[in-house]
Amino acid sequence: MSDESLINPEILGAILGLVWPGLVSMHVYRLLIPSARIDWSQGILQGFFFTVINYVLGFPLVLFLLQSQNLERHPFLYWSALIVIWLVSPVALPIIWKWLISRRFLYRYLQQPYVTPWDFYFERREPAFMLIHLNNGHLVAGYWGPGSYASAYPDQGDLYLSAVYSVDAKGKIGTPIASTKGLLITKDQYTYIELFQAA
């Protein structure tokens, strides 16, 4: 095969069409649910797998696109269908899948896709008071809520809490500390965290 044939637009388009939609879906999925870093030696194959799913679900549009005369006869519909198949659908599929697996009627039947309990808890974004047990035996209390942040897999464990609370030696959480802008803490600074329901 010559170098010129490798840069043939039709061949490049075919290769792009086989993996692009799947890679888009994989990237969106990783934004929604923390996942392991992609091994690109296997990522292309996974991209092809998700591309096939995308094409099966959008089969009528794929048939329309495969008829090259439609580009001349219905250019607006043709390009609209191409955008749906190559962009809109690959973005929508992982969003719809995440919504489905969180529904109660499927929740108890499916294994949740989170790699760690840390990611499972913090993805729900439920407000909570946290009592953090530091390595030196001291306690720190804070509020996890709007404006807070927790790192995700594979670098989970670091926290930013939007408010800091006073806490006594027995672990009783008191009042918010005035003039604080929150608390940054890394996973190597504490042993475990207790969670309490926010009022």
Protein backbone atom coordinates (compact mmCIF):
# COMPACT_ATOMS: atom_id res chain seq x y z
CA MET A 1 0.00 0.00 0.00
CA SER A 2 1.49 3.34 -1.03
CA ASP A 3 1.81 6.41 1.17
CA GLU A 4 -0.67 8.22 -1.08
CA SER A 5 -3.35 5.60 -0.48
CA LEU A 6 -2.94 6.02 3.27
CA ILE A 7 -3.96 9.67 3.07
CA ASN A 8 -6.90 8.97 0.79
CA PRO A 9 -9.85 10.98 2.22
CA GLU A 10 -12.18 8.01 1.79
CA ILE A 11 -9.88 5.70 3.77
CA LEU A 12 -9.34 8.30 6.48
CA GLY A 13 -13.10 8.90 6.65
CA ALA A 14 -13.75 5.18 6.98
CA ILE A 15 -11.19 4.82 9.78
CA LEU A 16 -12.59 7.88 11.55
CA GLY A 17 -16.11 6.56 11.17
CA LEU A 18 -15.15 3.25 12.80
CA VAL A 19 -13.71 4.70 16.02
CA TRP A 20 -14.66 8.38 16.40
CA PRO A 21 -18.21 8.02 17.82
CA GLY A 22 -17.03 5.38 20.30
CA LEU A 23 -14.11 7.48 21.50
CA VAL A 24 -16.45 10.45 22.02
CA SER A 25 -18.78 8.25 24.11
CA MET A 26 -15.85 6.94 26.16
CA HIS A 27 -14.62 10.45 26.89
CA VAL A 28 -18.07 11.69 27.95
CA TYR A 29 -18.54 8.59 30.13
CA ARG A 30 -15.25 9.33 31.93
CA LEU A 31 -16.48 12.87 32.63
CA LEU A 32 -19.65 11.46 34.19
CA ILE A 33 -18.23 8.48 36.10
CA PRO A 34 -14.61 8.31 37.35
CA SER A 35 -12.79 5.54 35.51
CA ALA A 36 -9.31 4.17 35.05
CA ARG A 37 -7.07 5.97 32.59
CA ILE A 38 -7.51 4.70 29.06
CA ASP A 39 -4.92 2.26 27.77
CA TRP A 40 -4.82 3.43 24.18
CA SER A 41 -3.57 0.03 23.00
CA GLN A 42 -7.05 -1.19 23.92
CA GLY A 43 -8.86 2.13 23.61
CA ILE A 44 -9.18 1.92 19.82
CA LEU A 45 -10.83 -1.51 20.11
CA GLN A 46 -13.20 -0.21 22.80
CA GLY A 47 -13.95 2.80 20.64
CA PHE A 48 -14.88 0.48 17.77
CA PHE A 49 -17.19 -1.51 20.11
CA PHE A 50 -19.10 1.58 21.25
CA THR A 51 -19.19 2.88 17.67
CA VAL A 52 -20.99 -0.30 16.62
CA ILE A 53 -23.57 0.21 19.40
CA ASN A 54 -24.06 3.80 18.26
CA TYR A 55 -24.58 2.73 14.66
CA VAL A 56 -27.00 -0.05 15.59
CA LEU A 57 -29.15 2.37 17.61
CA GLY A 58 -29.05 4.93 14.80
CA PHE A 59 -29.39 2.42 11.97
CA PRO A 60 -31.96 4.40 9.90
CA LEU A 61 -29.64 7.43 9.88
CA VAL A 62 -26.66 5.24 8.98
CA LEU A 63 -28.56 3.84 5.98
CA PHE A 64 -29.40 7.40 4.91
CA LEU A 65 -25.72 8.41 5.14
CA LEU A 66 -24.51 5.37 3.21
CA GLN A 67 -26.51 6.49 0.17
CA SER A 68 -24.03 8.98 -1.27
CA GLN A 69 -26.61 10.55 -3.58
CA ASN A 70 -28.36 11.96 -0.49
CA LEU A 71 -25.49 14.41 -0.06
CA GLU A 72 -26.46 16.10 -3.32
CA ARG A 73 -30.22 15.64 -3.04
CA HIS A 74 -30.64 16.54 0.64
CA PRO A 75 -27.44 18.25 1.80
CA PHE A 76 -28.99 19.81 4.91
CA LEU A 77 -30.52 16.51 6.06
CA TYR A 78 -27.32 14.66 5.20
CA TRP A 79 -25.05 16.89 7.28
CA SER A 80 -27.60 17.01 10.09
CA ALA A 81 -27.70 13.21 10.18
CA LEU A 82 -23.89 13.07 10.16
CA ILE A 83 -23.70 15.46 13.12
CA VAL A 84 -26.28 13.39 15.03
CA ILE A 85 -24.44 10.11 14.37
CA TRP A 86 -20.92 11.42 14.94
CA LEU A 87 -21.52 13.88 17.77
CA VAL A 88 -25.00 14.19 19.29
CA SER A 89 -25.66 10.47 19.71
CA PRO A 90 -22.18 9.58 21.09
CA VAL A 91 -22.56 12.36 23.69
CA ALA A 92 -26.14 11.45 24.58
CA LEU A 93 -25.66 7.68 24.96
CA PRO A 94 -23.45 7.73 28.11
CA ILE A 95 -25.66 10.44 29.64
CA ILE A 96 -28.76 8.33 29.07
CA TRP A 97 -26.97 5.21 30.36
CA LYS A 98 -25.92 6.96 33.57
CA TRP A 99 -29.47 8.16 34.08
CA LEU A 100 -30.88 4.67 33.54
CA ILE A 101 -28.59 2.88 35.98
CA SER A 102 -29.46 5.39 38.69
CA ARG A 103 -33.20 4.67 38.38
CA ARG A 104 -34.68 2.64 41.20
CA PHE A 105 -36.19 -0.01 38.93
CA LEU A 106 -32.71 -0.91 37.59
CA TYR A 107 -30.54 0.14 40.53
CA ARG A 108 -30.97 -3.09 42.49
CA TYR A 109 -30.31 -5.32 39.48
CA LEU A 110 -27.15 -3.72 38.09
CA GLN A 111 -23.67 -3.48 39.54
CA GLN A 112 -22.87 0.21 39.89
CA PRO A 113 -19.92 1.21 37.69
CA TYR A 114 -17.96 3.18 40.31
CA VAL A 115 -14.42 1.94 40.90
CA THR A 116 -14.36 2.88 44.59
CA PRO A 117 -16.90 3.60 47.36
CA TRP A 118 -15.32 7.07 47.57
CA ASP A 119 -16.48 7.87 44.03
CA PHE A 120 -19.88 6.28 44.65
CA TYR A 121 -20.52 8.48 47.68
CA PHE A 122 -19.22 11.80 46.42
CA GLU A 123 -20.85 11.50 42.99
CA ARG A 124 -24.24 11.78 44.71
CA ARG A 125 -23.26 15.25 45.99
CA GLU A 126 -25.38 14.95 49.11
CA PRO A 127 -24.58 17.61 51.76
CA ALA A 128 -22.97 16.21 54.91
CA PHE A 129 -20.91 17.15 57.93
CA MET A 130 -17.51 15.45 58.03
CA LEU A 131 -15.40 14.58 61.04
CA ILE A 132 -11.88 13.96 59.79
CA HIS A 133 -9.48 11.93 61.96
CA LEU A 134 -5.97 13.20 61.31
CA ASN A 135 -2.83 11.07 61.48
CA ASN A 136 -1.65 12.96 64.59
CA GLY A 137 -4.83 12.07 66.50
CA HIS A 138 -6.48 15.47 66.16
CA LEU A 139 -9.92 16.08 64.68
CA VAL A 140 -11.07 18.48 62.01
CA ALA A 141 -14.71 19.10 61.14
CA GLY A 142 -16.13 20.56 57.96
CA TYR A 143 -19.16 20.81 55.72
CA TRP A 144 -19.40 19.05 52.39
CA GLY A 145 -21.89 20.93 50.24
CA PRO A 146 -22.15 23.39 47.36
CA GLY A 147 -18.69 24.68 46.49
CA SER A 148 -16.90 21.65 47.95
CA TYR A 149 -14.84 19.23 45.88
CA ALA A 150 -13.52 15.68 46.14
CA SER A 151 -10.90 14.25 43.82
CA ALA A 152 -11.90 11.15 41.86
CA TYR A 153 -10.33 7.85 40.81
CA PRO A 154 -7.49 7.22 40.20
CA ASP A 155 -6.42 10.15 42.42
CA GLN A 156 -9.23 9.98 44.98
CA GLY A 157 -8.77 10.98 48.60
CA ASP A 158 -8.12 14.73 48.48
CA LEU A 159 -10.84 17.07 49.71
CA TYR A 160 -11.86 20.69 49.67
CA LEU A 161 -14.59 21.50 52.19
CA SER A 162 -16.38 24.80 51.72
CA ALA A 163 -16.77 25.46 55.48
CA VAL A 164 -14.83 24.53 58.63
CA TYR A 165 -16.49 23.89 61.99
CA SER A 166 -15.16 23.86 65.51
CA VAL A 167 -14.90 20.42 67.13
CA ASP A 168 -14.09 19.35 70.70
CA ALA A 169 -11.86 16.48 71.85
CA LYS A 170 -14.86 14.11 71.96
CA GLY A 171 -15.73 14.77 68.35
CA LYS A 172 -18.76 16.98 68.90
CA ILE A 173 -19.14 19.37 65.98
CA GLY A 174 -19.81 22.96 67.00
CA THR A 175 -20.32 26.18 65.09
CA PRO A 176 -18.80 27.42 61.82
CA ILE A 177 -15.42 29.10 62.17
CA ALA A 178 -15.71 32.74 61.14
CA SER A 179 -13.70 34.21 58.25
CA THR A 180 -12.71 30.80 56.88
CA LYS A 181 -12.60 30.09 53.16
CA GLY A 182 -12.77 26.35 53.65
CA LEU A 183 -10.36 23.48 54.18
CA LEU A 184 -7.96 21.68 51.86
CA ILE A 185 -6.79 18.26 52.99
CA THR A 186 -4.90 15.48 51.21
CA LYS A 187 -5.39 11.75 51.66
CA ASP A 188 -2.03 11.30 53.39
CA GLN A 189 -3.07 13.65 56.24
CA TYR A 190 -5.93 11.57 57.71
CA THR A 191 -6.84 7.99 58.59
CA TYR A 192 -10.59 8.01 58.08
CA ILE A 193 -13.66 10.27 57.80
CA GLU A 194 -16.98 10.08 59.64
CA LEU A 195 -20.05 11.32 57.80
CA PHE A 196 -23.07 12.96 59.47
CA GLN A 197 -26.34 14.01 57.96
CA ALA A 198 -26.63 17.71 57.30
CA ALA A 199 -29.57 19.38 59.04
